[in-house]
């Protein structure tokens, strides 16, 4: 029986033919490193997956199948997007946009193919929060109350401790700066005029409204 290859299959076969790739790939090689907005498609969220191992490791046709929240409800789905991922790289996998304040932790179903194009499935857990805290996993930090009158709390992951933040007004002028000292820091807004502001932290922004 003649075996038929699609263009995408030929891509992977040619790639493997040019280099000696190892195929001893297990779920232990992968980890979720973060969630970020998709700059090219606002209807998507990118889930960053780090693949360890050697540069000769290669996962065929990896994708995120689904994301469920702390209650077991499916909050996002994905599909095949890349031909593969090389070892020792990080790749952002698109899924449908997550709700702004989704319930953590998330369970992420990640699928990849081995050298025989047989799929293996990994289940990753991402994000934890203290009881009662509101947390935005897309940014790894969030603020509340928003809008505010006197102050805001910055709720973040432990990895954010030590990071610097900058508060900008609507014209881009620097209003306040500081360093995150704990997973719940407070910024005084009592002397700030009413209006719109941007808080920059960890390479991302959130808009804040002062009443």
C-alpha atoms as a PDB file:
ATOM      1  CA  UNK A   1       0.000   0.000   0.000  1.00  0.00           C
ATOM      2  CA  UNK A   2       1.438   3.351  -1.006  1.00  0.00           C
ATOM      3  CA  UNK A   3       1.851   5.784   1.896  1.00  0.00           C
ATOM      4  CA  UNK A   4       0.687   9.336   1.198  1.00  0.00           C
ATOM      5  CA  UNK A   5       2.254  12.301   2.967  1.00  0.00           C
ATOM      6  CA  UNK A   6       0.741  15.750   3.229  1.00  0.00           C
ATOM      7  CA  UNK A   7       2.816  18.917   2.828  1.00  0.00           C
ATOM      8  CA  UNK A   8       3.005  19.324   6.594  1.00  0.00           C
ATOM      9  CA  UNK A   9       4.235  15.737   6.999  1.00  0.00           C
ATOM     10  CA  UNK A  10       6.924  16.360   4.384  1.00  0.00           C
ATOM     11  CA  UNK A  11       8.055  19.431   6.315  1.00  0.00           C
ATOM     12  CA  UNK A  12       8.691  17.374   9.430  1.00  0.00           C
ATOM     13  CA  UNK A  13      10.268  14.479   7.493  1.00  0.00           C
ATOM     14  CA  UNK A  14      12.678  16.850   5.730  1.00  0.00           C
ATOM     15  CA  UNK A  15      13.510  18.547   9.000  1.00  0.00           C
ATOM     16  CA  UNK A  16      14.259  15.248  10.664  1.00  0.00           C
ATOM     17  CA  UNK A  17      16.201  14.016   7.637  1.00  0.00           C
ATOM     18  CA  UNK A  18      18.567  16.984   7.858  1.00  0.00           C
ATOM     19  CA  UNK A  19      19.331  16.499  11.553  1.00  0.00           C
ATOM     20  CA  UNK A  20      19.590  13.558  13.900  1.00  0.00           C
ATOM     21  CA  UNK A  21      16.703  14.126  16.319  1.00  0.00           C
ATOM     22  CA  UNK A  22      16.104  12.285  19.557  1.00  0.00           C
ATOM     23  CA  UNK A  23      12.550  11.085  20.151  1.00  0.00           C
ATOM     24  CA  UNK A  24      12.681  10.050  23.839  1.00  0.00           C
ATOM     25  CA  UNK A  25      10.109  12.722  24.706  1.00  0.00           C
ATOM     26  CA  UNK A  26       7.867  12.613  27.775  1.00  0.00           C
ATOM     27  CA  UNK A  27       5.583  15.088  29.521  1.00  0.00           C
ATOM     28  CA  UNK A  28       8.390  15.831  31.984  1.00  0.00           C
ATOM     29  CA  UNK A  29      10.129  17.842  29.263  1.00  0.00           C
ATOM     30  CA  UNK A  30       7.294  20.402  29.080  1.00  0.00           C
ATOM     31  CA  UNK A  31       6.120  23.107  31.460  1.00  0.00           C
ATOM     32  CA  UNK A  32       3.778  26.097  31.339  1.00  0.00           C
ATOM     33  CA  UNK A  33       5.726  29.338  31.831  1.00  0.00           C
ATOM     34  CA  UNK A  34       2.954  31.923  31.482  1.00  0.00           C
ATOM     35  CA  UNK A  35      -0.142  33.275  29.777  1.00  0.00           C
ATOM     36  CA  UNK A  36      -0.131  36.438  27.673  1.00  0.00           C
ATOM     37  CA  UNK A  37      -2.541  38.238  25.323  1.00  0.00           C
ATOM     38  CA  UNK A  38      -2.158  37.447  21.616  1.00  0.00           C
ATOM     39  CA  UNK A  39      -1.012  40.688  19.959  1.00  0.00           C
ATOM     40  CA  UNK A  40      -2.116  39.420  16.538  1.00  0.00           C
ATOM     41  CA  UNK A  41      -5.530  38.097  17.540  1.00  0.00           C
ATOM     42  CA  UNK A  42      -7.408  39.704  20.448  1.00  0.00           C
ATOM     43  CA  UNK A  43      -9.781  36.710  20.498  1.00  0.00           C
ATOM     44  CA  UNK A  44      -6.902  34.463  21.621  1.00  0.00           C
ATOM     45  CA  UNK A  45      -4.705  33.957  24.650  1.00  0.00           C
ATOM     46  CA  UNK A  46      -1.193  32.558  24.220  1.00  0.00           C
ATOM     47  CA  UNK A  47      -0.078  29.864  26.643  1.00  0.00           C
ATOM     48  CA  UNK A  48       3.714  29.707  26.749  1.00  0.00           C
ATOM     49  CA  UNK A  49       5.132  26.183  26.844  1.00  0.00           C
ATOM     50  CA  UNK A  50       8.788  25.584  27.646  1.00  0.00           C
ATOM     51  CA  UNK A  51      10.284  22.407  26.220  1.00  0.00           C
ATOM     52  CA  UNK A  52      13.411  21.170  27.937  1.00  0.00           C
ATOM     53  CA  UNK A  53      15.818  18.500  26.806  1.00  0.00           C
ATOM     54  CA  UNK A  54      18.389  18.812  24.068  1.00  0.00           C
ATOM     55  CA  UNK A  55      18.224  20.862  20.881  1.00  0.00           C
ATOM     56  CA  UNK A  56      17.917  17.563  19.010  1.00  0.00           C
ATOM     57  CA  UNK A  57      14.614  16.750  20.726  1.00  0.00           C
ATOM     58  CA  UNK A  58      11.568  17.383  18.544  1.00  0.00           C
ATOM     59  CA  UNK A  59       7.852  17.172  19.367  1.00  0.00           C
ATOM     60  CA  UNK A  60       5.596  16.656  16.348  1.00  0.00           C
ATOM     61  CA  UNK A  61       2.377  18.664  15.913  1.00  0.00           C
ATOM     62  CA  UNK A  62       2.044  19.953  19.490  1.00  0.00           C
ATOM     63  CA  UNK A  63      -1.079  21.855  20.520  1.00  0.00           C
ATOM     64  CA  UNK A  64      -3.230  22.734  23.522  1.00  0.00           C
ATOM     65  CA  UNK A  65      -6.540  20.933  23.313  1.00  0.00           C
ATOM     66  CA  UNK A  66      -8.438  22.516  26.201  1.00  0.00           C
ATOM     67  CA  UNK A  67      -8.179  24.593  29.369  1.00  0.00           C
ATOM     68  CA  UNK A  68     -10.437  24.031  32.381  1.00  0.00           C
ATOM     69  CA  UNK A  69     -10.812  26.242  35.442  1.00  0.00           C
ATOM     70  CA  UNK A  70     -10.816  25.401  39.164  1.00  0.00           C
ATOM     71  CA  UNK A  71     -14.416  24.192  38.901  1.00  0.00           C
ATOM     72  CA  UNK A  72     -13.694  21.844  36.005  1.00  0.00           C
ATOM     73  CA  UNK A  73     -15.457  24.023  33.425  1.00  0.00           C
ATOM     74  CA  UNK A  74     -13.858  24.354  29.987  1.00  0.00           C
ATOM     75  CA  UNK A  75     -12.844  28.012  29.603  1.00  0.00           C
ATOM     76  CA  UNK A  76     -10.712  27.813  26.432  1.00  0.00           C
ATOM     77  CA  UNK A  77      -9.911  25.469  23.562  1.00  0.00           C
ATOM     78  CA  UNK A  78      -7.096  25.280  21.043  1.00  0.00           C
ATOM     79  CA  UNK A  79      -6.053  23.341  17.976  1.00  0.00           C
ATOM     80  CA  UNK A  80      -3.161  22.390  15.743  1.00  0.00           C
ATOM     81  CA  UNK A  81      -1.085  25.459  14.934  1.00  0.00           C
ATOM     82  CA  UNK A  82       2.610  24.449  14.763  1.00  0.00           C
ATOM     83  CA  UNK A  83       4.440  21.669  12.924  1.00  0.00           C
ATOM     84  CA  UNK A  84       6.566  21.009  15.970  1.00  0.00           C
ATOM     85  CA  UNK A  85       8.678  22.314  18.819  1.00  0.00           C
ATOM     86  CA  UNK A  86      12.385  21.859  19.339  1.00  0.00           C
ATOM     87  CA  UNK A  87      13.988  21.034  22.655  1.00  0.00           C
ATOM     88  CA  UNK A  88      15.284  23.891  24.785  1.00  0.00           C
ATOM     89  CA  UNK A  89      12.781  26.410  23.330  1.00  0.00           C
ATOM     90  CA  UNK A  90       9.671  28.277  24.475  1.00  0.00           C
ATOM     91  CA  UNK A  91       6.601  28.582  22.260  1.00  0.00           C
ATOM     92  CA  UNK A  92       3.299  30.443  22.641  1.00  0.00           C
ATOM     93  CA  UNK A  93       0.292  28.242  21.848  1.00  0.00           C
ATOM     94  CA  UNK A  94      -2.978  30.043  20.949  1.00  0.00           C
ATOM     95  CA  UNK A  95      -6.260  29.165  22.638  1.00  0.00           C
ATOM     96  CA  UNK A  96      -9.549  31.029  22.691  1.00  0.00           C
ATOM     97  CA  UNK A  97      -9.397  34.075  24.974  1.00  0.00           C
ATOM     98  CA  UNK A  98      -9.596  33.278  28.680  1.00  0.00           C
ATOM     99  CA  UNK A  99     -12.055  35.164  30.893  1.00  0.00           C
ATOM    100  CA  UNK A 100     -10.436  38.167  32.565  1.00  0.00           C
ATOM    101  CA  UNK A 101     -10.710  36.808  36.113  1.00  0.00           C
ATOM    102  CA  UNK A 102     -10.793  33.085  35.523  1.00  0.00           C
ATOM    103  CA  UNK A 103     -10.879  30.767  38.551  1.00  0.00           C
ATOM    104  CA  UNK A 104      -7.467  29.259  39.305  1.00  0.00           C
ATOM    105  CA  UNK A 105      -5.794  26.861  39.156  1.00  0.00           C
ATOM    106  CA  UNK A 106      -6.129  26.026  35.467  1.00  0.00           C
ATOM    107  CA  UNK A 107      -5.754  22.535  34.023  1.00  0.00           C
ATOM    108  CA  UNK A 108      -4.135  22.630  30.592  1.00  0.00           C
ATOM    109  CA  UNK A 109      -4.367  19.621  28.270  1.00  0.00           C
ATOM    110  CA  UNK A 110      -1.312  19.572  26.006  1.00  0.00           C
ATOM    111  CA  UNK A 111      -0.973  17.098  23.128  1.00  0.00           C
ATOM    112  CA  UNK A 112       2.124  16.224  21.088  1.00  0.00           C
ATOM    113  CA  UNK A 113       3.176  13.492  18.669  1.00  0.00           C
ATOM    114  CA  UNK A 114       6.128  11.117  18.892  1.00  0.00           C
ATOM    115  CA  UNK A 115       8.292   9.863  16.046  1.00  0.00           C
ATOM    116  CA  UNK A 116       5.508   7.480  14.947  1.00  0.00           C
ATOM    117  CA  UNK A 117       2.994  10.366  14.837  1.00  0.00           C
ATOM    118  CA  UNK A 118       1.197   8.820  17.808  1.00  0.00           C
ATOM    119  CA  UNK A 119      -0.217  11.398  20.214  1.00  0.00           C
ATOM    120  CA  UNK A 120       0.706  11.672  23.874  1.00  0.00           C
ATOM    121  CA  UNK A 121      -1.321  13.856  26.242  1.00  0.00           C
ATOM    122  CA  UNK A 122       0.014  15.876  29.181  1.00  0.00           C
ATOM    123  CA  UNK A 123      -2.045  17.634  31.837  1.00  0.00           C
ATOM    124  CA  UNK A 124      -0.469  20.725  33.423  1.00  0.00           C
ATOM    125  CA  UNK A 125      -1.688  22.794  36.371  1.00  0.00           C
ATOM    126  CA  UNK A 126      -1.120  26.547  36.236  1.00  0.00           C
ATOM    127  CA  UNK A 127      -1.693  29.225  38.858  1.00  0.00           C
ATOM    128  CA  UNK A 128      -2.647  29.302  42.521  1.00  0.00           C
ATOM    129  CA  UNK A 129      -4.116  32.121  44.571  1.00  0.00           C
ATOM    130  CA  UNK A 130      -4.797  32.859  48.206  1.00  0.00           C
ATOM    131  CA  UNK A 131      -8.389  32.450  49.331  1.00  0.00           C
ATOM    132  CA  UNK A 132     -10.503  35.441  48.334  1.00  0.00           C
ATOM    133  CA  UNK A 133      -7.927  37.076  46.060  1.00  0.00           C
ATOM    134  CA  UNK A 134      -8.827  38.082  42.535  1.00  0.00           C
ATOM    135  CA  UNK A 135      -6.093  37.206  40.081  1.00  0.00           C
ATOM    136  CA  UNK A 136      -5.623  37.691  36.351  1.00  0.00           C
ATOM    137  CA  UNK A 137      -3.447  34.822  35.013  1.00  0.00           C
ATOM    138  CA  UNK A 138      -3.083  36.503  31.635  1.00  0.00           C
ATOM    139  CA  UNK A 139      -0.990  39.230  33.245  1.00  0.00           C
ATOM    140  CA  UNK A 140       0.296  37.248  36.265  1.00  0.00           C
ATOM    141  CA  UNK A 141      -0.974  40.170  38.376  1.00  0.00           C
ATOM    142  CA  UNK A 142      -4.078  42.278  38.811  1.00  0.00           C
ATOM    143  CA  UNK A 143      -5.366  45.319  40.707  1.00  0.00           C
ATOM    144  CA  UNK A 144      -8.496  46.071  42.717  1.00  0.00           C
ATOM    145  CA  UNK A 145     -10.672  47.959  43.359  1.00  0.00           C
ATOM    146  CA  UNK A 146     -10.816  49.361  39.860  1.00  0.00           C
ATOM    147  CA  UNK A 147     -12.217  52.034  39.516  1.00  0.00           C
ATOM    148  CA  UNK A 148     -10.784  53.365  42.766  1.00  0.00           C
ATOM    149  CA  UNK A 149     -11.025  56.497  44.896  1.00  0.00           C
ATOM    150  CA  UNK A 150      -8.195  56.266  47.419  1.00  0.00           C
ATOM    151  CA  UNK A 151      -5.975  53.220  46.877  1.00  0.00           C
ATOM    152  CA  UNK A 152      -5.460  50.026  44.890  1.00  0.00           C
ATOM    153  CA  UNK A 153      -4.037  46.642  45.824  1.00  0.00           C
ATOM    154  CA  UNK A 154      -1.697  44.840  43.435  1.00  0.00           C
ATOM    155  CA  UNK A 155      -2.209  41.072  43.741  1.00  0.00           C
ATOM    156  CA  UNK A 156       0.532  39.073  42.055  1.00  0.00           C
ATOM    157  CA  UNK A 157       2.342  35.762  42.031  1.00  0.00           C
ATOM    158  CA  UNK A 158       5.430  35.246  44.246  1.00  0.00           C
ATOM    159  CA  UNK A 159       7.569  35.418  41.100  1.00  0.00           C
ATOM    160  CA  UNK A 160       6.644  39.107  40.761  1.00  0.00           C
ATOM    161  CA  UNK A 161       8.200  40.087  44.119  1.00  0.00           C
ATOM    162  CA  UNK A 162      11.142  42.408  43.487  1.00  0.00           C
ATOM    163  CA  UNK A 163       9.807  43.674  40.148  1.00  0.00           C
ATOM    164  CA  UNK A 164       9.483  47.412  39.555  1.00  0.00           C
ATOM    165  CA  UNK A 165       6.230  49.108  38.598  1.00  0.00           C
ATOM    166  CA  UNK A 166       5.533  52.470  36.955  1.00  0.00           C
ATOM    167  CA  UNK A 167       2.257  54.386  37.056  1.00  0.00           C
ATOM    168  CA  UNK A 168       1.640  56.616  34.016  1.00  0.00           C
ATOM    169  CA  UNK A 169      -1.074  59.173  33.373  1.00  0.00           C
ATOM    170  CA  UNK A 170      -3.073  59.431  30.151  1.00  0.00           C
ATOM    171  CA  UNK A 171      -0.310  61.463  28.471  1.00  0.00           C
ATOM    172  CA  UNK A 172       2.407  58.955  29.378  1.00  0.00           C
ATOM    173  CA  UNK A 173       3.867  61.025  32.208  1.00  0.00           C
ATOM    174  CA  UNK A 174       5.389  59.063  35.094  1.00  0.00           C
ATOM    175  CA  UNK A 175       3.333  59.581  38.270  1.00  0.00           C
ATOM    176  CA  UNK A 176       4.592  56.948  40.708  1.00  0.00           C
ATOM    177  CA  UNK A 177       7.205  54.200  40.806  1.00  0.00           C
ATOM    178  CA  UNK A 178       7.857  51.406  43.244  1.00  0.00           C
ATOM    179  CA  UNK A 179       8.935  47.823  43.834  1.00  0.00           C
ATOM    180  CA  UNK A 180       6.664  44.863  44.529  1.00  0.00           C
ATOM    181  CA  UNK A 181       7.508  43.700  48.065  1.00  0.00           C
ATOM    182  CA  UNK A 182       4.831  41.044  48.567  1.00  0.00           C
ATOM    183  CA  UNK A 183       2.041  39.231  46.745  1.00  0.00           C
ATOM    184  CA  UNK A 184      -0.342  42.001  47.869  1.00  0.00           C
ATOM    185  CA  UNK A 185       1.018  45.557  47.637  1.00  0.00           C
ATOM    186  CA  UNK A 186      -0.890  48.830  47.967  1.00  0.00           C
ATOM    187  CA  UNK A 187      -0.603  52.091  45.992  1.00  0.00           C
ATOM    188  CA  UNK A 188      -2.006  55.301  47.447  1.00  0.00           C
ATOM    189  CA  UNK A 189      -4.260  57.137  44.965  1.00  0.00           C
ATOM    190  CA  UNK A 190      -5.631  59.748  47.374  1.00  0.00           C
ATOM    191  CA  UNK A 191      -3.475  62.567  45.959  1.00  0.00           C
ATOM    192  CA  UNK A 192      -3.888  61.537  42.297  1.00  0.00           C
ATOM    193  CA  UNK A 193      -6.365  63.521  40.152  1.00  0.00           C
ATOM    194  CA  UNK A 194      -9.351  61.677  38.698  1.00  0.00           C
ATOM    195  CA  UNK A 195      -8.876  60.113  35.279  1.00  0.00           C
ATOM    196  CA  UNK A 196      -7.318  57.173  33.443  1.00  0.00           C
ATOM    197  CA  UNK A 197      -3.912  55.701  34.319  1.00  0.00           C
ATOM    198  CA  UNK A 198      -1.699  52.857  33.142  1.00  0.00           C
ATOM    199  CA  UNK A 199       0.200  50.627  35.545  1.00  0.00           C
ATOM    200  CA  UNK A 200       3.233  48.926  33.983  1.00  0.00           C
ATOM    201  CA  UNK A 201       4.564  45.767  35.631  1.00  0.00           C
ATOM    202  CA  UNK A 202       6.409  42.726  34.268  1.00  0.00           C
ATOM    203  CA  UNK A 203       6.249  44.031  30.713  1.00  0.00           C
ATOM    204  CA  UNK A 204       2.457  44.422  30.658  1.00  0.00           C
ATOM    205  CA  UNK A 205      -0.050  47.206  31.378  1.00  0.00           C
ATOM    206  CA  UNK A 206      -3.363  47.477  33.144  1.00  0.00           C
ATOM    207  CA  UNK A 207      -5.650  50.484  32.889  1.00  0.00           C
ATOM    208  CA  UNK A 208      -6.786  52.021  36.171  1.00  0.00           C
ATOM    209  CA  UNK A 209      -9.621  54.484  36.635  1.00  0.00           C
ATOM    210  CA  UNK A 210      -9.514  57.038  39.468  1.00  0.00           C
ATOM    211  CA  UNK A 211     -13.017  58.357  40.257  1.00  0.00           C
END
